[in-house]
Amino acid sequence: MIITSSMPKNGVIFSDGIEEDYVQFNSGTIARIGVAEKKANLIVR
């Protein structure tokens, strides 16, 4: 999936539910989202 931002300012992308872990996504920025080649496992003790 390819997404291009049209937000002039204050655009952000975050995927983990924590907005503080954002990447700026302002006008003209392109995000390419796809399936990773490797798989990770989260282990909680």
PDB file of N, CA and C in Angstrom:
ATOM      1  N   MET A   1       0.852  -1.147   0.000  1.00  0.00           N
ATOM      2  CA  MET A   1       0.000   0.000   0.000  1.00  0.00           C
ATOM      3  C   MET A   1       0.912   1.226   0.000  1.00  0.00           C
ATOM      4  N   ILE A   2       0.573   2.207  -0.795  1.00  0.00           N
ATOM      5  CA  ILE A   2       1.319   3.460  -0.845  1.00  0.00           C
ATOM      6  C   ILE A   2       0.367   4.601  -0.512  1.00  0.00           C
ATOM      7  N   ILE A   3       0.747   5.414   0.465  1.00  0.00           N
ATOM      8  CA  ILE A   3      -0.081   6.536   0.911  1.00  0.00           C
ATOM      9  C   ILE A   3       0.750   7.808   0.813  1.00  0.00           C
ATOM     10  N   THR A   4       0.186   8.858   0.229  1.00  0.00           N
ATOM     11  CA  THR A   4       0.841  10.160   0.142  1.00  0.00           C
ATOM     12  C   THR A   4       0.079  11.155   1.002  1.00  0.00           C
ATOM     13  N   SER A   5       0.795  11.873   1.866  1.00  0.00           N
ATOM     14  CA  SER A   5       0.161  12.842   2.757  1.00  0.00           C
ATOM     15  C   SER A   5      -0.215  14.121   2.015  1.00  0.00           C
ATOM     16  N   SER A   6      -1.375  14.648   2.353  1.00  0.00           N
ATOM     17  CA  SER A   6      -1.826  15.951   1.848  1.00  0.00           C
ATOM     18  C   SER A   6      -1.958  16.965   2.981  1.00  0.00           C
ATOM     19  N   MET A   7      -1.530  16.567   4.183  1.00  0.00           N
ATOM     20  CA  MET A   7      -1.628  17.463   5.339  1.00  0.00           C
ATOM     21  C   MET A   7      -0.496  18.472   5.291  1.00  0.00           C
ATOM     22  N   PRO A   8      -0.785  19.773   5.296  1.00  0.00           N
ATOM     23  CA  PRO A   8       0.266  20.777   5.207  1.00  0.00           C
ATOM     24  C   PRO A   8       1.227  20.760   6.397  1.00  0.00           C
ATOM     25  N   LYS A   9       0.732  20.439   7.594  1.00  0.00           N
ATOM     26  CA  LYS A   9       1.595  20.355   8.777  1.00  0.00           C
ATOM     27  C   LYS A   9       0.907  19.518   9.843  1.00  0.00           C
ATOM     28  N   ASN A  10       1.698  19.088  10.824  1.00  0.00           N
ATOM     29  CA  ASN A  10       1.224  18.302  11.971  1.00  0.00           C
ATOM     30  C   ASN A  10       0.693  16.921  11.616  1.00  0.00           C
ATOM     31  N   GLY A  11       1.038  16.399  10.436  1.00  0.00           N
ATOM     32  CA  GLY A  11       0.654  15.037  10.078  1.00  0.00           C
ATOM     33  C   GLY A  11       1.579  14.036  10.744  1.00  0.00           C
ATOM     34  N   VAL A  12       1.026  12.927  11.232  1.00  0.00           N
ATOM     35  CA  VAL A  12       1.831  11.889  11.875  1.00  0.00           C
ATOM     36  C   VAL A  12       1.317  10.507  11.485  1.00  0.00           C
ATOM     37  N   ILE A  13       2.196   9.527  11.606  1.00  0.00           N
ATOM     38  CA  ILE A  13       1.840   8.111  11.444  1.00  0.00           C
ATOM     39  C   ILE A  13       2.325   7.398  12.699  1.00  0.00           C
ATOM     40  N   PHE A  14       1.468   6.549  13.268  1.00  0.00           N
ATOM     41  CA  PHE A  14       1.895   5.674  14.357  1.00  0.00           C
ATOM     42  C   PHE A  14       1.071   4.406  14.270  1.00  0.00           C
ATOM     43  N   SER A  15       1.663   3.281  14.640  1.00  0.00           N
ATOM     44  CA  SER A  15       0.964   2.015  14.441  1.00  0.00           C
ATOM     45  C   SER A  15       0.777   1.203  15.705  1.00  0.00           C
ATOM     46  N   ASP A  16       1.408   1.595  16.777  1.00  0.00           N
ATOM     47  CA  ASP A  16       1.364   0.764  17.976  1.00  0.00           C
ATOM     48  C   ASP A  16       0.386   1.255  19.034  1.00  0.00           C
ATOM     49  N   GLY A  17      -0.426   2.257  18.693  1.00  0.00           N
ATOM     50  CA  GLY A  17      -1.387   2.785  19.643  1.00  0.00           C
ATOM     51  C   GLY A  17      -0.807   3.844  20.561  1.00  0.00           C
ATOM     52  N   ILE A  18       0.479   4.128  20.416  1.00  0.00           N
ATOM     53  CA  ILE A  18       1.132   5.137  21.247  1.00  0.00           C
ATOM     54  C   ILE A  18       1.528   6.294  20.345  1.00  0.00           C
ATOM     55  N   GLU A  19       0.796   7.381  20.412  1.00  0.00           N
ATOM     56  CA  GLU A  19       1.010   8.505  19.503  1.00  0.00           C
ATOM     57  C   GLU A  19       2.399   9.130  19.666  1.00  0.00           C
ATOM     58  N   GLU A  20       3.010   9.001  20.837  1.00  0.00           N
ATOM     59  CA  GLU A  20       4.336   9.582  21.062  1.00  0.00           C
ATOM     60  C   GLU A  20       5.408   8.901  20.210  1.00  0.00           C
ATOM     61  N   ASP A  21       5.149   7.689  19.724  1.00  0.00           N
ATOM     62  CA  ASP A  21       6.093   6.948  18.866  1.00  0.00           C
ATOM     63  C   ASP A  21       5.792   7.211  17.397  1.00  0.00           C
ATOM     64  N   TYR A  22       5.628   8.465  17.049  1.00  0.00           N
ATOM     65  CA  TYR A  22       5.169   8.811  15.705  1.00  0.00           C
ATOM     66  C   TYR A  22       6.311   9.094  14.741  1.00  0.00           C
ATOM     67  N   VAL A  23       5.955   9.091  13.459  1.00  0.00           N
ATOM     68  CA  VAL A  23       6.829   9.537  12.382  1.00  0.00           C
ATOM     69  C   VAL A  23       6.102  10.694  11.713  1.00  0.00           C
ATOM     70  N   GLN A  24       6.806  11.794  11.433  1.00  0.00           N
ATOM     71  CA  GLN A  24       6.158  12.932  10.777  1.00  0.00           C
ATOM     72  C   GLN A  24       5.655  12.519   9.398  1.00  0.00           C
ATOM     73  N   PHE A  25       4.458  12.998   9.044  1.00  0.00           N
ATOM     74  CA  PHE A  25       3.816  12.630   7.775  1.00  0.00           C
ATOM     75  C   PHE A  25       3.139  13.872   7.200  1.00  0.00           C
ATOM     76  N   ASN A  26       3.959  14.833   6.795  1.00  0.00           N
ATOM     77  CA  ASN A  26       3.439  16.093   6.275  1.00  0.00           C
ATOM     78  C   ASN A  26       3.311  16.050   4.753  1.00  0.00           C
ATOM     79  N   SER A  27       2.758  17.084   4.173  1.00  0.00           N
ATOM     80  CA  SER A  27       2.449  17.162   2.748  1.00  0.00           C
ATOM     81  C   SER A  27       3.613  16.710   1.866  1.00  0.00           C
ATOM     82  N   GLY A  28       3.325  15.800   0.958  1.00  0.00           N
ATOM     83  CA  GLY A  28       4.322  15.299   0.022  1.00  0.00           C
ATOM     84  C   GLY A  28       5.069  14.072   0.500  1.00  0.00           C
ATOM     85  N   THR A  29       4.946  13.715   1.777  1.00  0.00           N
ATOM     86  CA  THR A  29       5.608  12.530   2.306  1.00  0.00           C
ATOM     87  C   THR A  29       4.886  11.285   1.804  1.00  0.00           C
ATOM     88  N   ILE A  30       5.653  10.263   1.424  1.00  0.00           N
ATOM     89  CA  ILE A  30       5.073   9.019   0.915  1.00  0.00           C
ATOM     90  C   ILE A  30       5.403   7.893   1.887  1.00  0.00           C
ATOM     91  N   ALA A  31       4.393   7.119   2.263  1.00  0.00           N
ATOM     92  CA  ALA A  31       4.579   5.948   3.124  1.00  0.00           C
ATOM     93  C   ALA A  31       4.280   4.702   2.301  1.00  0.00           C
ATOM     94  N   ARG A  32       5.208   3.760   2.321  1.00  0.00           N
ATOM     95  CA  ARG A  32       5.004   2.474   1.644  1.00  0.00           C
ATOM     96  C   ARG A  32       4.858   1.420   2.731  1.00  0.00           C
ATOM     97  N   ILE A  33       3.725   0.736   2.765  1.00  0.00           N
ATOM     98  CA  ILE A  33       3.415  -0.227   3.817  1.00  0.00           C
ATOM     99  C   ILE A  33       3.229  -1.591   3.180  1.00  0.00           C
ATOM    100  N   GLY A  34       3.914  -2.590   3.729  1.00  0.00           N
ATOM    101  CA  GLY A  34       3.807  -3.933   3.166  1.00  0.00           C
ATOM    102  C   GLY A  34       4.089  -4.985   4.220  1.00  0.00           C
ATOM    103  N   VAL A  35       4.106  -6.216   3.779  1.00  0.00           N
ATOM    104  CA  VAL A  35       4.359  -7.352   4.660  1.00  0.00           C
ATOM    105  C   VAL A  35       5.869  -7.539   4.789  1.00  0.00           C
ATOM    106  N   ALA A  36       6.341  -7.693   6.020  1.00  0.00           N
ATOM    107  CA  ALA A  36       7.771  -7.872   6.271  1.00  0.00           C
ATOM    108  C   ALA A  36       8.230  -9.260   5.824  1.00  0.00           C
ATOM    109  N   GLU A  37       9.502  -9.360   5.444  1.00  0.00           N
ATOM    110  CA  GLU A  37      10.075 -10.655   5.065  1.00  0.00           C
ATOM    111  C   GLU A  37      10.266 -11.554   6.282  1.00  0.00           C
ATOM    112  N   LYS A  38      10.532 -10.937   7.439  1.00  0.00           N
ATOM    113  CA  LYS A  38      10.759 -11.695   8.670  1.00  0.00           C
ATOM    114  C   LYS A  38       9.600 -11.498   9.628  1.00  0.00           C
ATOM    115  N   LYS A  39       9.362 -12.492  10.469  1.00  0.00           N
ATOM    116  CA  LYS A  39       8.299 -12.442  11.459  1.00  0.00           C
ATOM    117  C   LYS A  39       8.913 -12.316  12.848  1.00  0.00           C
ATOM    118  N   ALA A  40       8.335 -11.462  13.691  1.00  0.00           N
ATOM    119  CA  ALA A  40       8.802 -11.300  15.069  1.00  0.00           C
ATOM    120  C   ALA A  40       7.735 -11.842  16.012  1.00  0.00           C
ATOM    121  N   ASN A  41       8.160 -12.320  17.159  1.00  0.00           N
ATOM    122  CA  ASN A  41       7.241 -12.805  18.186  1.00  0.00           C
ATOM    123  C   ASN A  41       7.454 -11.997  19.457  1.00  0.00           C
ATOM    124  N   LEU A  42       6.376 -11.499  20.029  1.00  0.00           N
ATOM    125  CA  LEU A  42       6.436 -10.756  21.279  1.00  0.00           C
ATOM    126  C   LEU A  42       6.280 -11.740  22.432  1.00  0.00           C
ATOM    127  N   ILE A  43       7.242 -11.716  23.331  1.00  0.00           N
ATOM    128  CA  ILE A  43       7.204 -12.603  24.495  1.00  0.00           C
ATOM    129  C   ILE A  43       7.128 -11.750  25.737  1.00  0.00           C
ATOM    130  N   VAL A  44       6.075 -11.947  26.543  1.00  0.00           N
ATOM    131  CA  VAL A  44       5.878 -11.190  27.763  1.00  0.00           C
ATOM    132  C   VAL A  44       6.047 -12.126  28.938  1.00  0.00           C
ATOM    133  N   ARG A  45       6.870 -11.709  29.891  1.00  0.00           N
ATOM    134  CA  ARG A  45       7.089 -12.547  31.081  1.00  0.00           C
ATOM    135  C   ARG A  45       6.301 -12.015  32.237  1.00  0.00           C
TER     136      ARG A  45
END
